[in-house]
Amino acid sequence: MPITKELENIRKFESVGFSHEQSETLTDVIEQSHIDGQQTLKDIFSKLENRIDKLETKADTIEKKIDNILRVTDSIDLHIKAGQTELLLKIFAVVACCASVAVAVSKLL
């Protein structure tokens, strides 16, 4: 508390009947309480900042894991599409063979 506030508070206490010693004691108690309150707030904010930092770190880790999962699923999708294409080509080859056999059989009859 600035000295001007301290003197102002002492005068206020004295104006309502407190002695000079009582006024100084009350002012000192109020000042110390104010200082303690500020320190408590600083401690609370420091703890909150630490928790926020930890949460941000966890969020970054989760984001990286999600990115990895998305890459894996994209890779799986590509493999499935390649497998489907290969399977379709084999089916067309079988159909072409069957058609060739059918044409050959029909020429024999």
N, C-alpha and C. Protein backbone atom coordinates (compact mmCIF):
# COMPACT_ATOMS: atom_id res chain seq x y z
N MET A 1 0.85 -1.16 0.00
CA MET A 1 0.00 0.00 0.00
C MET A 1 0.90 1.23 0.00
N PRO A 2 0.64 2.19 -0.89
CA PRO A 2 1.49 3.40 -0.94
C PRO A 2 1.40 4.17 0.39
N ILE A 3 2.45 4.93 0.67
CA ILE A 3 2.51 5.65 1.95
C ILE A 3 1.37 6.65 2.06
N THR A 4 0.98 7.24 0.95
CA THR A 4 -0.12 8.22 1.01
C THR A 4 -1.40 7.54 1.45
N LYS A 5 -1.66 6.34 0.99
CA LYS A 5 -2.84 5.59 1.41
C LYS A 5 -2.72 5.20 2.88
N GLU A 6 -1.52 4.83 3.28
CA GLU A 6 -1.31 4.42 4.66
C GLU A 6 -1.61 5.59 5.60
N LEU A 7 -1.06 6.76 5.27
CA LEU A 7 -1.30 7.94 6.10
C LEU A 7 -2.78 8.34 6.06
N GLU A 8 -3.37 8.22 4.88
CA GLU A 8 -4.79 8.53 4.73
C GLU A 8 -5.64 7.61 5.60
N ASN A 9 -5.31 6.33 5.61
CA ASN A 9 -6.05 5.37 6.43
C ASN A 9 -5.85 5.65 7.92
N ILE A 10 -4.63 5.97 8.31
CA ILE A 10 -4.37 6.28 9.72
C ILE A 10 -5.21 7.47 10.15
N ARG A 11 -5.26 8.49 9.31
CA ARG A 11 -6.06 9.69 9.63
C ARG A 11 -7.54 9.36 9.73
N LYS A 12 -8.01 8.49 8.82
CA LYS A 12 -9.43 8.10 8.86
C LYS A 12 -9.76 7.39 10.18
N PHE A 13 -8.88 6.47 10.58
CA PHE A 13 -9.11 5.76 11.84
C PHE A 13 -9.08 6.72 13.03
N GLU A 14 -8.11 7.63 13.00
CA GLU A 14 -8.00 8.59 14.10
C GLU A 14 -9.22 9.52 14.15
N SER A 15 -9.78 9.83 12.98
CA SER A 15 -10.93 10.76 12.94
C SER A 15 -12.19 10.15 13.55
N VAL A 16 -12.25 8.81 13.63
CA VAL A 16 -13.43 8.18 14.24
C VAL A 16 -13.15 7.70 15.66
N GLY A 17 -12.02 8.12 16.23
CA GLY A 17 -11.79 7.85 17.64
C GLY A 17 -10.72 6.85 17.98
N PHE A 18 -10.06 6.25 16.99
CA PHE A 18 -8.96 5.33 17.31
C PHE A 18 -7.74 6.14 17.71
N SER A 19 -6.93 5.56 18.59
CA SER A 19 -5.66 6.22 18.95
C SER A 19 -4.69 6.06 17.79
N HIS A 20 -3.59 6.83 17.86
CA HIS A 20 -2.59 6.75 16.80
C HIS A 20 -2.01 5.34 16.70
N GLU A 21 -1.72 4.72 17.85
CA GLU A 21 -1.19 3.34 17.85
C GLU A 21 -2.18 2.35 17.25
N GLN A 22 -3.46 2.49 17.62
CA GLN A 22 -4.48 1.60 17.08
C GLN A 22 -4.61 1.79 15.56
N SER A 23 -4.57 3.05 15.15
CA SER A 23 -4.69 3.35 13.71
C SER A 23 -3.53 2.76 12.93
N GLU A 24 -2.31 2.89 13.47
CA GLU A 24 -1.14 2.32 12.79
C GLU A 24 -1.24 0.79 12.74
N THR A 25 -1.66 0.18 13.83
CA THR A 25 -1.78 -1.28 13.88
C THR A 25 -2.81 -1.76 12.87
N LEU A 26 -3.97 -1.12 12.85
CA LEU A 26 -5.01 -1.51 11.88
C LEU A 26 -4.52 -1.33 10.44
N THR A 27 -3.85 -0.22 10.21
CA THR A 27 -3.33 0.03 8.86
C THR A 27 -2.29 -1.02 8.47
N ASP A 28 -1.40 -1.37 9.41
CA ASP A 28 -0.41 -2.41 9.13
C ASP A 28 -1.08 -3.76 8.85
N VAL A 29 -2.10 -4.10 9.63
CA VAL A 29 -2.81 -5.37 9.43
C VAL A 29 -3.48 -5.37 8.05
N ILE A 30 -4.12 -4.27 7.70
CA ILE A 30 -4.79 -4.18 6.39
C ILE A 30 -3.76 -4.29 5.27
N GLU A 31 -2.64 -3.59 5.42
CA GLU A 31 -1.59 -3.64 4.41
C GLU A 31 -1.05 -5.06 4.24
N GLN A 32 -0.77 -5.74 5.36
CA GLN A 32 -0.24 -7.11 5.30
C GLN A 32 -1.27 -8.05 4.68
N SER A 33 -2.53 -7.85 5.04
CA SER A 33 -3.60 -8.67 4.47
C SER A 33 -3.67 -8.48 2.96
N HIS A 34 -3.50 -7.24 2.53
CA HIS A 34 -3.51 -6.92 1.10
C HIS A 34 -2.33 -7.62 0.39
N ILE A 35 -1.16 -7.55 1.00
CA ILE A 35 0.04 -8.19 0.43
C ILE A 35 -0.15 -9.71 0.36
N ASP A 36 -0.67 -10.29 1.45
CA ASP A 36 -0.91 -11.74 1.47
C ASP A 36 -1.92 -12.14 0.40
N GLY A 37 -2.97 -11.32 0.25
CA GLY A 37 -3.98 -11.61 -0.77
C GLY A 37 -3.40 -11.57 -2.17
N GLN A 38 -2.52 -10.60 -2.42
CA GLN A 38 -1.88 -10.52 -3.73
C GLN A 38 -1.00 -11.74 -3.99
N GLN A 39 -0.27 -12.17 -2.97
CA GLN A 39 0.59 -13.35 -3.13
C GLN A 39 -0.25 -14.59 -3.39
N THR A 40 -1.37 -14.70 -2.68
CA THR A 40 -2.26 -15.85 -2.89
C THR A 40 -2.79 -15.85 -4.32
N LEU A 41 -3.18 -14.68 -4.81
CA LEU A 41 -3.65 -14.59 -6.20
C LEU A 41 -2.55 -14.96 -7.18
N LYS A 42 -1.32 -14.50 -6.92
CA LYS A 42 -0.20 -14.85 -7.78
C LYS A 42 0.00 -16.36 -7.81
N ASP A 43 -0.09 -16.99 -6.62
CA ASP A 43 0.07 -18.45 -6.54
C ASP A 43 -1.03 -19.16 -7.32
N ILE A 44 -2.27 -18.68 -7.17
CA ILE A 44 -3.39 -19.30 -7.89
C ILE A 44 -3.19 -19.16 -9.39
N PHE A 45 -2.81 -17.97 -9.84
CA PHE A 45 -2.60 -17.76 -11.28
C PHE A 45 -1.45 -18.61 -11.80
N SER A 46 -0.41 -18.75 -10.99
CA SER A 46 0.73 -19.58 -11.40
C SER A 46 0.28 -21.04 -11.57
N LYS A 47 -0.51 -21.54 -10.62
CA LYS A 47 -1.00 -22.91 -10.72
C LYS A 47 -1.91 -23.07 -11.94
N LEU A 48 -2.75 -22.07 -12.17
CA LEU A 48 -3.64 -22.13 -13.34
C LEU A 48 -2.83 -22.14 -14.64
N GLU A 49 -1.80 -21.31 -14.70
CA GLU A 49 -0.95 -21.29 -15.89
C GLU A 49 -0.29 -22.65 -16.12
N ASN A 50 0.18 -23.28 -15.04
CA ASN A 50 0.80 -24.61 -15.16
C ASN A 50 -0.21 -25.63 -15.67
N ARG A 51 -1.43 -25.58 -15.13
CA ARG A 51 -2.45 -26.52 -15.59
C ARG A 51 -2.80 -26.28 -17.05
N ILE A 52 -2.90 -25.02 -17.44
CA ILE A 52 -3.20 -24.70 -18.83
C ILE A 52 -2.09 -25.21 -19.74
N ASP A 53 -0.83 -25.02 -19.32
CA ASP A 53 0.30 -25.52 -20.11
C ASP A 53 0.22 -27.03 -20.27
N LYS A 54 -0.11 -27.73 -19.17
CA LYS A 54 -0.22 -29.20 -19.24
C LYS A 54 -1.36 -29.61 -20.18
N LEU A 55 -2.48 -28.90 -20.10
CA LEU A 55 -3.61 -29.21 -20.98
C LEU A 55 -3.27 -28.95 -22.45
N GLU A 56 -2.54 -27.86 -22.70
CA GLU A 56 -2.12 -27.57 -24.07
C GLU A 56 -1.18 -28.66 -24.59
N THR A 57 -0.29 -29.15 -23.73
CA THR A 57 0.62 -30.22 -24.12
C THR A 57 -0.17 -31.48 -24.44
N LYS A 58 -1.15 -31.81 -23.58
CA LYS A 58 -1.98 -32.99 -23.83
C LYS A 58 -2.78 -32.82 -25.11
N ALA A 59 -3.29 -31.62 -25.35
CA ALA A 59 -4.06 -31.36 -26.56
C ALA A 59 -3.18 -31.55 -27.80
N ASP A 60 -1.94 -31.08 -27.73
CA ASP A 60 -1.00 -31.28 -28.84
C ASP A 60 -0.75 -32.76 -29.08
N THR A 61 -0.57 -33.52 -28.00
CA THR A 61 -0.35 -34.96 -28.12
C THR A 61 -1.56 -35.64 -28.75
N ILE A 62 -2.73 -35.28 -28.29
CA ILE A 62 -3.96 -35.87 -28.85
C ILE A 62 -4.10 -35.51 -30.32
N GLU A 63 -3.79 -34.27 -30.67
CA GLU A 63 -3.88 -33.84 -32.06
C GLU A 63 -2.92 -34.65 -32.95
N LYS A 64 -1.71 -34.89 -32.45
CA LYS A 64 -0.74 -35.69 -33.20
C LYS A 64 -1.24 -37.12 -33.38
N LYS A 65 -1.83 -37.69 -32.32
CA LYS A 65 -2.36 -39.05 -32.41
C LYS A 65 -3.50 -39.11 -33.42
N ILE A 66 -4.36 -38.12 -33.40
CA ILE A 66 -5.46 -38.09 -34.37
C ILE A 66 -4.92 -37.99 -35.79
N ASP A 67 -3.90 -37.15 -35.99
CA ASP A 67 -3.28 -37.05 -37.32
C ASP A 67 -2.71 -38.39 -37.76
N ASN A 68 -2.06 -39.10 -36.85
CA ASN A 68 -1.52 -40.42 -37.18
C ASN A 68 -2.64 -41.39 -37.55
N ILE A 69 -3.72 -41.37 -36.79
CA ILE A 69 -4.86 -42.24 -37.09
C ILE A 69 -5.44 -41.92 -38.46
N LEU A 70 -5.55 -40.64 -38.78
CA LEU A 70 -6.07 -40.24 -40.09
C LEU A 70 -5.15 -40.71 -41.22
N ARG A 71 -3.84 -40.61 -40.99
CA ARG A 71 -2.89 -41.09 -42.01
C ARG A 71 -3.03 -42.60 -42.21
N VAL A 72 -3.19 -43.33 -41.11
CA VAL A 72 -3.33 -44.79 -41.20
C VAL A 72 -4.63 -45.14 -41.93
N THR A 73 -5.72 -44.45 -41.60
CA THR A 73 -6.98 -44.76 -42.26
C THR A 73 -6.92 -44.39 -43.74
N ASP A 74 -6.22 -43.31 -44.08
CA ASP A 74 -6.05 -42.97 -45.49
C ASP A 74 -5.26 -44.07 -46.21
N SER A 75 -4.22 -44.57 -45.55
CA SER A 75 -3.42 -45.64 -46.13
C SER A 75 -4.27 -46.91 -46.32
N ILE A 76 -5.08 -47.21 -45.32
CA ILE A 76 -5.97 -48.39 -45.43
C ILE A 76 -6.95 -48.20 -46.58
N ASP A 77 -7.50 -47.00 -46.70
CA ASP A 77 -8.43 -46.72 -47.81
C ASP A 77 -7.75 -46.95 -49.16
N LEU A 78 -6.50 -46.50 -49.28
CA LEU A 78 -5.78 -46.70 -50.55
C LEU A 78 -5.56 -48.18 -50.83
N HIS A 79 -5.21 -48.95 -49.80
CA HIS A 79 -5.01 -50.39 -49.99
C HIS A 79 -6.32 -51.08 -50.39
N ILE A 80 -7.41 -50.66 -49.75
CA ILE A 80 -8.71 -51.26 -50.08
C ILE A 80 -9.08 -50.94 -51.52
N LYS A 81 -8.87 -49.69 -51.95
CA LYS A 81 -9.19 -49.31 -53.33
C LYS A 81 -8.31 -50.07 -54.32
N ALA A 82 -7.03 -50.23 -53.98
CA ALA A 82 -6.14 -50.98 -54.87
C ALA A 82 -6.59 -52.44 -54.94
N GLY A 83 -6.98 -53.00 -53.79
CA GLY A 83 -7.47 -54.38 -53.77
C GLY A 83 -8.75 -54.54 -54.56
N GLN A 84 -9.64 -53.55 -54.46
CA GLN A 84 -10.89 -53.60 -55.23
C GLN A 84 -10.61 -53.54 -56.72
N THR A 85 -9.68 -52.68 -57.12
CA THR A 85 -9.33 -52.57 -58.54
C THR A 85 -8.75 -53.89 -59.04
N GLU A 86 -7.85 -54.47 -58.26
CA GLU A 86 -7.25 -55.75 -58.65
C GLU A 86 -8.32 -56.84 -58.75
N LEU A 87 -9.23 -56.86 -57.80
CA LEU A 87 -10.31 -57.85 -57.81
C LEU A 87 -11.21 -57.67 -59.03
N LEU A 88 -11.53 -56.43 -59.36
CA LEU A 88 -12.35 -56.18 -60.56
C LEU A 88 -11.65 -56.66 -61.83
N LEU A 89 -10.34 -56.41 -61.91
CA LEU A 89 -9.60 -56.88 -63.09
C LEU A 89 -9.64 -58.40 -63.19
N LYS A 90 -9.50 -59.09 -62.06
CA LYS A 90 -9.56 -60.55 -62.07
C LYS A 90 -10.95 -61.03 -62.47
N ILE A 91 -11.99 -60.36 -61.98
CA ILE A 91 -13.36 -60.75 -62.34
C ILE A 91 -13.56 -60.57 -63.85
N PHE A 92 -13.09 -59.46 -64.40
CA PHE A 92 -13.23 -59.24 -65.85
C PHE A 92 -12.45 -60.29 -66.64
N ALA A 93 -11.28 -60.69 -66.11
CA ALA A 93 -10.50 -61.72 -66.79
C ALA A 93 -11.25 -63.05 -66.78
N VAL A 94 -11.88 -63.39 -65.65
CA VAL A 94 -12.66 -64.62 -65.57
C VAL A 94 -13.85 -64.55 -66.51
N VAL A 95 -14.53 -63.41 -66.54
CA VAL A 95 -15.68 -63.23 -67.43
C VAL A 95 -15.23 -63.35 -68.88
N ALA A 96 -14.08 -62.77 -69.22
CA ALA A 96 -13.58 -62.86 -70.59
C ALA A 96 -13.25 -64.31 -70.95
N CYS A 97 -12.67 -65.05 -70.00
CA CYS A 97 -12.37 -66.47 -70.24
C CYS A 97 -13.65 -67.25 -70.46
N CYS A 98 -14.63 -66.99 -69.61
CA CYS A 98 -15.92 -67.69 -69.75
C CYS A 98 -16.56 -67.38 -71.09
N ALA A 99 -16.47 -66.12 -71.50
CA ALA A 99 -17.04 -65.74 -72.79
C ALA A 99 -16.31 -66.44 -73.91
N SER A 100 -14.98 -66.55 -73.81
CA SER A 100 -14.20 -67.24 -74.84
C SER A 100 -14.57 -68.71 -74.89
N VAL A 101 -14.73 -69.34 -73.72
CA VAL A 101 -15.11 -70.75 -73.68
C VAL A 101 -16.50 -70.91 -74.27
N ALA A 102 -17.41 -70.02 -73.96
CA ALA A 102 -18.77 -70.10 -74.49
C ALA A 102 -18.77 -69.97 -76.00
N VAL A 103 -17.98 -69.06 -76.52
CA VAL A 103 -17.90 -68.90 -77.98
C VAL A 103 -17.31 -70.16 -78.59
N ALA A 104 -16.27 -70.73 -78.00
CA ALA A 104 -15.64 -71.93 -78.54
C ALA A 104 -16.61 -73.10 -78.50
N VAL A 105 -17.36 -73.25 -77.41
CA VAL A 105 -18.33 -74.33 -77.31
C VAL A 105 -19.44 -74.16 -78.33
N SER A 106 -19.86 -72.91 -78.52
CA SER A 106 -20.97 -72.69 -79.49
C SER A 106 -20.49 -72.97 -80.90
N LYS A 107 -19.23 -72.80 -81.22
CA LYS A 107 -18.72 -73.08 -82.56
C LYS A 107 -18.62 -74.58 -82.77
N LEU A 108 -18.36 -75.31 -81.67
CA LEU A 108 -18.26 -76.76 -81.78
C LEU A 108 -19.63 -77.40 -81.99
N LEU A 109 -20.66 -76.79 -81.53
CA LEU A 109 -21.99 -77.39 -81.64
C LEU A 109 -22.61 -76.98 -82.91
